[in-house]
Amino acid sequence: QRLGLVLVTCLFISALTFVIIRLLPGDFVD
């Protein structure tokens, strides 16, 4: 149960980070 919660939490954090990065205009070089 704890391992399942860890996996779900990691997937959620990864997806949230991906969405936040994709929402930013431009990239680091710009």
PDB file of all heavy atoms in Angstrom:
ATOM      1  N   GLN A   1       0.829  -1.199   0.000  1.00  0.00           N
ATOM      2  CA  GLN A   1       0.000   0.000   0.000  1.00  0.00           C
ATOM      3  C   GLN A   1       0.868   1.256   0.000  1.00  0.00           C
ATOM      4  O   GLN A   1       0.628   2.191  -0.757  1.00  0.00           O
ATOM      5  CB  GLN A   1      -0.911  -0.023   1.221  1.00  0.00           C
ATOM      6  CG  GLN A   1      -1.989   1.014   1.209  1.00  0.00           C
ATOM      7  CD  GLN A   1      -2.922   0.852   2.412  1.00  0.00           C
ATOM      8  OE1 GLN A   1      -2.527   0.315   3.452  1.00  0.00           O
ATOM      9  NE2 GLN A   1      -4.140   1.312   2.276  1.00  0.00           N
ATOM     10  N   ARG A   2       1.903   1.278   0.826  1.00  0.00           N
ATOM     11  CA  ARG A   2       2.809   2.431   0.884  1.00  0.00           C
ATOM     12  C   ARG A   2       3.572   2.589  -0.432  1.00  0.00           C
ATOM     13  O   ARG A   2       3.766   3.691  -0.921  1.00  0.00           O
ATOM     14  CB  ARG A   2       3.796   2.282   2.038  1.00  0.00           C
ATOM     15  CG  ARG A   2       3.135   2.219   3.397  1.00  0.00           C
ATOM     16  CD  ARG A   2       2.276   3.413   3.686  1.00  0.00           C
ATOM     17  NE  ARG A   2       3.097   4.559   3.993  1.00  0.00           N
ATOM     18  CZ  ARG A   2       2.629   5.756   4.294  1.00  0.00           C
ATOM     19  NH1 ARG A   2       1.332   5.950   4.346  1.00  0.00           N
ATOM     20  NH2 ARG A   2       3.426   6.745   4.541  1.00  0.00           N
ATOM     21  N   LEU A   3       4.011   1.481  -1.022  1.00  0.00           N
ATOM     22  CA  LEU A   3       4.718   1.517  -2.295  1.00  0.00           C
ATOM     23  C   LEU A   3       3.805   2.056  -3.394  1.00  0.00           C
ATOM     24  O   LEU A   3       4.228   2.854  -4.235  1.00  0.00           O
ATOM     25  CB  LEU A   3       5.231   0.124  -2.664  1.00  0.00           C
ATOM     26  CG  LEU A   3       6.029   0.024  -3.959  1.00  0.00           C
ATOM     27  CD1 LEU A   3       7.288   0.873  -3.878  1.00  0.00           C
ATOM     28  CD2 LEU A   3       6.375  -1.416  -4.253  1.00  0.00           C
ATOM     29  N   GLY A   4       2.556   1.657  -3.376  1.00  0.00           N
ATOM     30  CA  GLY A   4       1.589   2.165  -4.344  1.00  0.00           C
ATOM     31  C   GLY A   4       1.380   3.662  -4.195  1.00  0.00           C
ATOM     32  O   GLY A   4       1.316   4.396  -5.191  1.00  0.00           O
ATOM     33  N   LEU A   5       1.290   4.134  -2.971  1.00  0.00           N
ATOM     34  CA  LEU A   5       1.136   5.565  -2.733  1.00  0.00           C
ATOM     35  C   LEU A   5       2.370   6.346  -3.184  1.00  0.00           C
ATOM     36  O   LEU A   5       2.255   7.448  -3.716  1.00  0.00           O
ATOM     37  CB  LEU A   5       0.854   5.832  -1.257  1.00  0.00           C
ATOM     38  CG  LEU A   5      -0.544   5.445  -0.781  1.00  0.00           C
ATOM     39  CD1 LEU A   5      -0.641   5.603   0.736  1.00  0.00           C
ATOM     40  CD2 LEU A   5      -1.597   6.271  -1.462  1.00  0.00           C
ATOM     41  N   VAL A   6       3.539   5.783  -2.983  1.00  0.00           N
ATOM     42  CA  VAL A   6       4.774   6.436  -3.434  1.00  0.00           C
ATOM     43  C   VAL A   6       4.771   6.562  -4.951  1.00  0.00           C
ATOM     44  O   VAL A   6       5.113   7.611  -5.498  1.00  0.00           O
ATOM     45  CB  VAL A   6       6.012   5.655  -2.934  1.00  0.00           C
ATOM     46  CG1 VAL A   6       7.272   6.109  -3.651  1.00  0.00           C
ATOM     47  CG2 VAL A   6       6.179   5.815  -1.450  1.00  0.00           C
ATOM     48  N   LEU A   7       4.394   5.514  -5.649  1.00  0.00           N
ATOM     49  CA  LEU A   7       4.363   5.549  -7.112  1.00  0.00           C
ATOM     50  C   LEU A   7       3.353   6.570  -7.632  1.00  0.00           C
ATOM     51  O   LEU A   7       3.652   7.340  -8.547  1.00  0.00           O
ATOM     52  CB  LEU A   7       4.042   4.160  -7.667  1.00  0.00           C
ATOM     53  CG  LEU A   7       5.131   3.115  -7.465  1.00  0.00           C
ATOM     54  CD1 LEU A   7       4.651   1.753  -7.944  1.00  0.00           C
ATOM     55  CD2 LEU A   7       6.396   3.520  -8.186  1.00  0.00           C
ATOM     56  N   VAL A   8       2.177   6.597  -7.029  1.00  0.00           N
ATOM     57  CA  VAL A   8       1.155   7.554  -7.446  1.00  0.00           C
ATOM     58  C   VAL A   8       1.627   8.983  -7.181  1.00  0.00           C
ATOM     59  O   VAL A   8       1.465   9.872  -8.029  1.00  0.00           O
ATOM     60  CB  VAL A   8      -0.184   7.267  -6.730  1.00  0.00           C
ATOM     61  CG1 VAL A   8      -1.171   8.390  -6.938  1.00  0.00           C
ATOM     62  CG2 VAL A   8      -0.768   5.948  -7.209  1.00  0.00           C
ATOM     63  N   THR A   9       2.244   9.205  -6.042  1.00  0.00           N
ATOM     64  CA  THR A   9       2.745  10.535  -5.703  1.00  0.00           C
ATOM     65  C   THR A   9       3.835  10.974  -6.676  1.00  0.00           C
ATOM     66  O   THR A   9       3.834  12.120  -7.142  1.00  0.00           O
ATOM     67  CB  THR A   9       3.285  10.559  -4.261  1.00  0.00           C
ATOM     68  OG1 THR A   9       2.245  10.140  -3.381  1.00  0.00           O
ATOM     69  CG2 THR A   9       3.770  11.935  -3.867  1.00  0.00           C
ATOM     70  N   CYS A  10       4.755  10.088  -6.999  1.00  0.00           N
ATOM     71  CA  CYS A  10       5.822  10.423  -7.950  1.00  0.00           C
ATOM     72  C   CYS A  10       5.258  10.729  -9.331  1.00  0.00           C
ATOM     73  O   CYS A  10       5.700  11.675  -9.988  1.00  0.00           O
ATOM     74  CB  CYS A  10       6.830   9.285  -8.040  1.00  0.00           C
ATOM     75  SG  CYS A  10       7.905   9.171  -6.605  1.00  0.00           S
ATOM     76  N   LEU A  11       4.297   9.966  -9.778  1.00  0.00           N
ATOM     77  CA  LEU A  11       3.675  10.226 -11.081  1.00  0.00           C
ATOM     78  C   LEU A  11       2.958  11.569 -11.079  1.00  0.00           C
ATOM     79  O   LEU A  11       3.049  12.336 -12.046  1.00  0.00           O
ATOM     80  CB  LEU A  11       2.701   9.103 -11.439  1.00  0.00           C
ATOM     81  CG  LEU A  11       3.334   7.792 -11.873  1.00  0.00           C
ATOM     82  CD1 LEU A  11       2.257   6.725 -12.040  1.00  0.00           C
ATOM     83  CD2 LEU A  11       4.104   7.972 -13.163  1.00  0.00           C
ATOM     84  N   PHE A  12       2.249  11.879 -10.005  1.00  0.00           N
ATOM     85  CA  PHE A  12       1.536  13.151  -9.910  1.00  0.00           C
ATOM     86  C   PHE A  12       2.502  14.330  -9.916  1.00  0.00           C
ATOM     87  O   PHE A  12       2.299  15.306 -10.634  1.00  0.00           O
ATOM     88  CB  PHE A  12       0.679  13.181  -8.637  1.00  0.00           C
ATOM     89  CG  PHE A  12      -0.020  14.489  -8.433  1.00  0.00           C
ATOM     90  CD1 PHE A  12      -1.119  14.827  -9.203  1.00  0.00           C
ATOM     91  CD2 PHE A  12       0.437  15.383  -7.481  1.00  0.00           C
ATOM     92  CE1 PHE A  12      -1.763  16.046  -9.029  1.00  0.00           C
ATOM     93  CE2 PHE A  12      -0.200  16.604  -7.297  1.00  0.00           C
ATOM     94  CZ  PHE A  12      -1.301  16.936  -8.065  1.00  0.00           C
ATOM     95  N   ILE A  13       3.568  14.243  -9.146  1.00  0.00           N
ATOM     96  CA  ILE A  13       4.551  15.321  -9.092  1.00  0.00           C
ATOM     97  C   ILE A  13       5.235  15.487 -10.446  1.00  0.00           C
ATOM     98  O   ILE A  13       5.461  16.611 -10.906  1.00  0.00           O
ATOM     99  CB  ILE A  13       5.573  15.070  -7.968  1.00  0.00           C
ATOM    100  CG1 ILE A  13       4.887  15.217  -6.612  1.00  0.00           C
ATOM    101  CG2 ILE A  13       6.766  16.012  -8.073  1.00  0.00           C
ATOM    102  CD1 ILE A  13       5.744  14.816  -5.439  1.00  0.00           C
ATOM    103  N   SER A  14       5.566  14.394 -11.108  1.00  0.00           N
ATOM    104  CA  SER A  14       6.192  14.467 -12.429  1.00  0.00           C
ATOM    105  C   SER A  14       5.263  15.116 -13.447  1.00  0.00           C
ATOM    106  O   SER A  14       5.695  15.973 -14.227  1.00  0.00           O
ATOM    107  CB  SER A  14       6.567  13.066 -12.910  1.00  0.00           C
ATOM    108  OG  SER A  14       7.530  12.504 -12.069  1.00  0.00           O
ATOM    109  N   ALA A  15       4.002  14.729 -13.444  1.00  0.00           N
ATOM    110  CA  ALA A  15       3.041  15.313 -14.376  1.00  0.00           C
ATOM    111  C   ALA A  15       2.828  16.793 -14.096  1.00  0.00           C
ATOM    112  O   ALA A  15       2.782  17.616 -15.025  1.00  0.00           O
ATOM    113  CB  ALA A  15       1.709  14.564 -14.302  1.00  0.00           C
ATOM    114  N   LEU A  16       2.717  17.159 -12.835  1.00  0.00           N
ATOM    115  CA  LEU A  16       2.531  18.557 -12.470  1.00  0.00           C
ATOM    116  C   LEU A  16       3.740  19.404 -12.884  1.00  0.00           C
ATOM    117  O   LEU A  16       3.586  20.491 -13.440  1.00  0.00           O
ATOM    118  CB  LEU A  16       2.295  18.670 -10.962  1.00  0.00           C
ATOM    119  CG  LEU A  16       2.010  20.062 -10.435  1.00  0.00           C
ATOM    120  CD1 LEU A  16       0.707  20.606 -11.016  1.00  0.00           C
ATOM    121  CD2 LEU A  16       1.947  20.045  -8.916  1.00  0.00           C
ATOM    122  N   THR A  17       4.931  18.903 -12.650  1.00  0.00           N
ATOM    123  CA  THR A  17       6.153  19.610 -13.052  1.00  0.00           C
ATOM    124  C   THR A  17       6.203  19.772 -14.563  1.00  0.00           C
ATOM    125  O   THR A  17       6.547  20.844 -15.075  1.00  0.00           O
ATOM    126  CB  THR A  17       7.393  18.853 -12.556  1.00  0.00           C
ATOM    127  OG1 THR A  17       7.298  18.685 -11.146  1.00  0.00           O
ATOM    128  CG2 THR A  17       8.665  19.589 -12.905  1.00  0.00           C
ATOM    129  N   PHE A  18       5.868  18.727 -15.301  1.00  0.00           N
ATOM    130  CA  PHE A  18       5.867  18.788 -16.758  1.00  0.00           C
ATOM    131  C   PHE A  18       4.899  19.858 -17.255  1.00  0.00           C
ATOM    132  O   PHE A  18       5.243  20.671 -18.120  1.00  0.00           O
ATOM    133  CB  PHE A  18       5.486  17.422 -17.336  1.00  0.00           C
ATOM    134  CG  PHE A  18       5.388  17.412 -18.828  1.00  0.00           C
ATOM    135  CD1 PHE A  18       6.532  17.372 -19.602  1.00  0.00           C
ATOM    136  CD2 PHE A  18       4.153  17.451 -19.457  1.00  0.00           C
ATOM    137  CE1 PHE A  18       6.447  17.366 -20.984  1.00  0.00           C
ATOM    138  CE2 PHE A  18       4.051  17.455 -20.829  1.00  0.00           C
ATOM    139  CZ  PHE A  18       5.204  17.402 -21.596  1.00  0.00           C
ATOM    140  N   VAL A  19       3.706  19.893 -16.693  1.00  0.00           N
ATOM    141  CA  VAL A  19       2.698  20.875 -17.114  1.00  0.00           C
ATOM    142  C   VAL A  19       3.166  22.293 -16.802  1.00  0.00           C
ATOM    143  O   VAL A  19       3.045  23.194 -17.634  1.00  0.00           O
ATOM    144  CB  VAL A  19       1.343  20.576 -16.440  1.00  0.00           C
ATOM    145  CG1 VAL A  19       0.370  21.728 -16.611  1.00  0.00           C
ATOM    146  CG2 VAL A  19       0.748  19.297 -16.999  1.00  0.00           C
ATOM    147  N   ILE A  20       3.728  22.500 -15.633  1.00  0.00           N
ATOM    148  CA  ILE A  20       4.191  23.840 -15.262  1.00  0.00           C
ATOM    149  C   ILE A  20       5.306  24.298 -16.192  1.00  0.00           C
ATOM    150  O   ILE A  20       5.316  25.446 -16.648  1.00  0.00           O
ATOM    151  CB  ILE A  20       4.656  23.859 -13.792  1.00  0.00           C
ATOM    152  CG1 ILE A  20       3.444  23.743 -12.869  1.00  0.00           C
ATOM    153  CG2 ILE A  20       5.436  25.134 -13.479  1.00  0.00           C
ATOM    154  CD1 ILE A  20       3.794  23.565 -11.406  1.00  0.00           C
ATOM    155  N   ILE A  21       6.237  23.422 -16.511  1.00  0.00           N
ATOM    156  CA  ILE A  21       7.338  23.786 -17.404  1.00  0.00           C
ATOM    157  C   ILE A  21       6.820  24.079 -18.805  1.00  0.00           C
ATOM    158  O   ILE A  21       7.269  25.018 -19.470  1.00  0.00           O
ATOM    159  CB  ILE A  21       8.403  22.676 -17.420  1.00  0.00           C
ATOM    160  CG1 ILE A  21       9.133  22.662 -16.088  1.00  0.00           C
ATOM    161  CG2 ILE A  21       9.383  22.865 -18.561  1.00  0.00           C
ATOM    162  CD1 ILE A  21      10.098  21.510 -15.916  1.00  0.00           C
ATOM    163  N   ARG A  22       5.859  23.319 -19.267  1.00  0.00           N
ATOM    164  CA  ARG A  22       5.332  23.521 -20.618  1.00  0.00           C
ATOM    165  C   ARG A  22       4.497  24.800 -20.719  1.00  0.00           C
ATOM    166  O   ARG A  22       4.349  25.358 -21.802  1.00  0.00           O
ATOM    167  CB  ARG A  22       4.481  22.326 -21.059  1.00  0.00           C
ATOM    168  CG  ARG A  22       5.227  21.019 -21.173  1.00  0.00           C
ATOM    169  CD  ARG A  22       6.376  21.074 -22.127  1.00  0.00           C
ATOM    170  NE  ARG A  22       5.898  21.342 -23.461  1.00  0.00           N
ATOM    171  CZ  ARG A  22       6.669  21.661 -24.494  1.00  0.00           C
ATOM    172  NH1 ARG A  22       7.960  21.740 -24.330  1.00  0.00           N
ATOM    173  NH2 ARG A  22       6.168  21.900 -25.673  1.00  0.00           N
ATOM    174  N   LEU A  23       3.952  25.288 -19.615  1.00  0.00           N
ATOM    175  CA  LEU A  23       3.136  26.503 -19.639  1.00  0.00           C
ATOM    176  C   LEU A  23       3.973  27.770 -19.772  1.00  0.00           C
ATOM    177  O   LEU A  23       3.473  28.791 -20.229  1.00  0.00           O
ATOM    178  CB  LEU A  23       2.291  26.597 -18.365  1.00  0.00           C
ATOM    179  CG  LEU A  23       1.106  25.655 -18.278  1.00  0.00           C
ATOM    180  CD1 LEU A  23       0.421  25.813 -16.928  1.00  0.00           C
ATOM    181  CD2 LEU A  23       0.110  25.909 -19.395  1.00  0.00           C
ATOM    182  N   LEU A  24       5.239  27.701 -19.357  1.00  0.00           N
ATOM    183  CA  LEU A  24       6.091  28.874 -19.422  1.00  0.00           C
ATOM    184  C   LEU A  24       6.395  29.227 -20.880  1.00  0.00           C
ATOM    185  O   LEU A  24       6.709  28.358 -21.678  1.00  0.00           O
ATOM    186  CB  LEU A  24       7.405  28.623 -18.678  1.00  0.00           C
ATOM    187  CG  LEU A  24       7.283  28.420 -17.185  1.00  0.00           C
ATOM    188  CD1 LEU A  24       8.639  28.052 -16.606  1.00  0.00           C
ATOM    189  CD2 LEU A  24       6.767  29.679 -16.528  1.00  0.00           C
ATOM    190  N   PRO A  25       6.305  30.522 -21.226  1.00  0.00           N
ATOM    191  CA  PRO A  25       6.622  30.912 -22.597  1.00  0.00           C
ATOM    192  C   PRO A  25       8.127  30.867 -22.844  1.00  0.00           C
ATOM    193  O   PRO A  25       8.920  31.225 -21.967  1.00  0.00           O
ATOM    194  CB  PRO A  25       6.095  32.347 -22.676  1.00  0.00           C
ATOM    195  CG  PRO A  25       6.128  32.839 -21.282  1.00  0.00           C
ATOM    196  CD  PRO A  25       5.873  31.636 -20.418  1.00  0.00           C
ATOM    197  N   GLY A  26       8.515  30.446 -24.025  1.00  0.00           N
ATOM    198  CA  GLY A  26       9.931  30.395 -24.372  1.00  0.00           C
ATOM    199  C   GLY A  26      10.650  29.274 -23.656  1.00  0.00           C
ATOM    200  O   GLY A  26      10.059  28.335 -23.155  1.00  0.00           O
ATOM    201  N   ASP A  27      11.975  29.392 -23.637  1.00  0.00           N
ATOM    202  CA  ASP A  27      12.777  28.419 -22.922  1.00  0.00           C
ATOM    203  C   ASP A  27      13.883  29.141 -22.163  1.00  0.00           C
ATOM    204  O   ASP A  27      13.913  30.364 -22.103  1.00  0.00           O
ATOM    205  CB  ASP A  27      13.353  27.366 -23.874  1.00  0.00           C
ATOM    206  CG  ASP A  27      14.235  27.983 -24.967  1.00  0.00           C
ATOM    207  OD1 ASP A  27      14.386  29.208 -24.984  1.00  0.00           O
ATOM    208  OD2 ASP A  27      14.762  27.220 -25.788  1.00  0.00           O
ATOM    209  N   PHE A  28      14.779  28.383 -21.585  1.00  0.00           N
ATOM    210  CA  PHE A  28      15.824  28.979 -20.751  1.00  0.00           C
ATOM    211  C   PHE A  28      16.720  29.916 -21.551  1.00  0.00           C
ATOM    212  O   PHE A  28      17.086  30.994 -21.077  1.00  0.00           O
ATOM    213  CB  PHE A  28      16.663  27.869 -20.107  1.00  0.00           C
ATOM    214  CG  PHE A  28      17.839  28.409 -19.344  1.00  0.00           C
ATOM    215  CD1 PHE A  28      17.657  29.022 -18.127  1.00  0.00           C
ATOM    216  CD2 PHE A  28      19.117  28.315 -19.860  1.00  0.00           C
ATOM    217  CE1 PHE A  28      18.737  29.539 -17.424  1.00  0.00           C
ATOM    218  CE2 PHE A  28      20.196  28.832 -19.167  1.00  0.00           C
ATOM    219  CZ  PHE A  28      20.002  29.434 -17.951  1.00  0.00           C
ATOM    220  N   VAL A  29      17.069  29.523 -22.765  1.00  0.00           N
ATOM    221  CA  VAL A  29      17.964  30.346 -23.582  1.00  0.00           C
ATOM    222  C   VAL A  29      17.306  31.679 -23.919  1.00  0.00           C
ATOM    223  O   VAL A  29      17.941  32.736 -23.843  1.00  0.00           O
ATOM    224  CB  VAL A  29      18.392  29.590 -24.858  1.00  0.00           C
ATOM    225  CG1 VAL A  29      19.239  30.471 -25.757  1.00  0.00           C
ATOM    226  CG2 VAL A  29      19.136  28.322 -24.495  1.00  0.00           C
ATOM    227  N   ASP A  30      16.031  31.658 -24.281  1.00  0.00           N
ATOM    228  CA  ASP A  30      15.311  32.904 -24.579  1.00  0.00           C
ATOM    229  C   ASP A  30      15.285  33.828 -23.357  1.00  0.00           C
ATOM    230  O   ASP A  30      15.501  35.036 -23.475  1.00  0.00           O
ATOM    231  CB  ASP A  30      13.877  32.622 -25.025  1.00  0.00           C
ATOM    232  CG  ASP A  30      13.810  31.946 -26.382  1.00  0.00           C
ATOM    233  OD1 ASP A  30      14.757  32.121 -27.178  1.00  0.00           O
ATOM    234  OD2 ASP A  30      12.813  31.248 -26.631  1.00  0.00           O
TER     235      ASP A  30
END
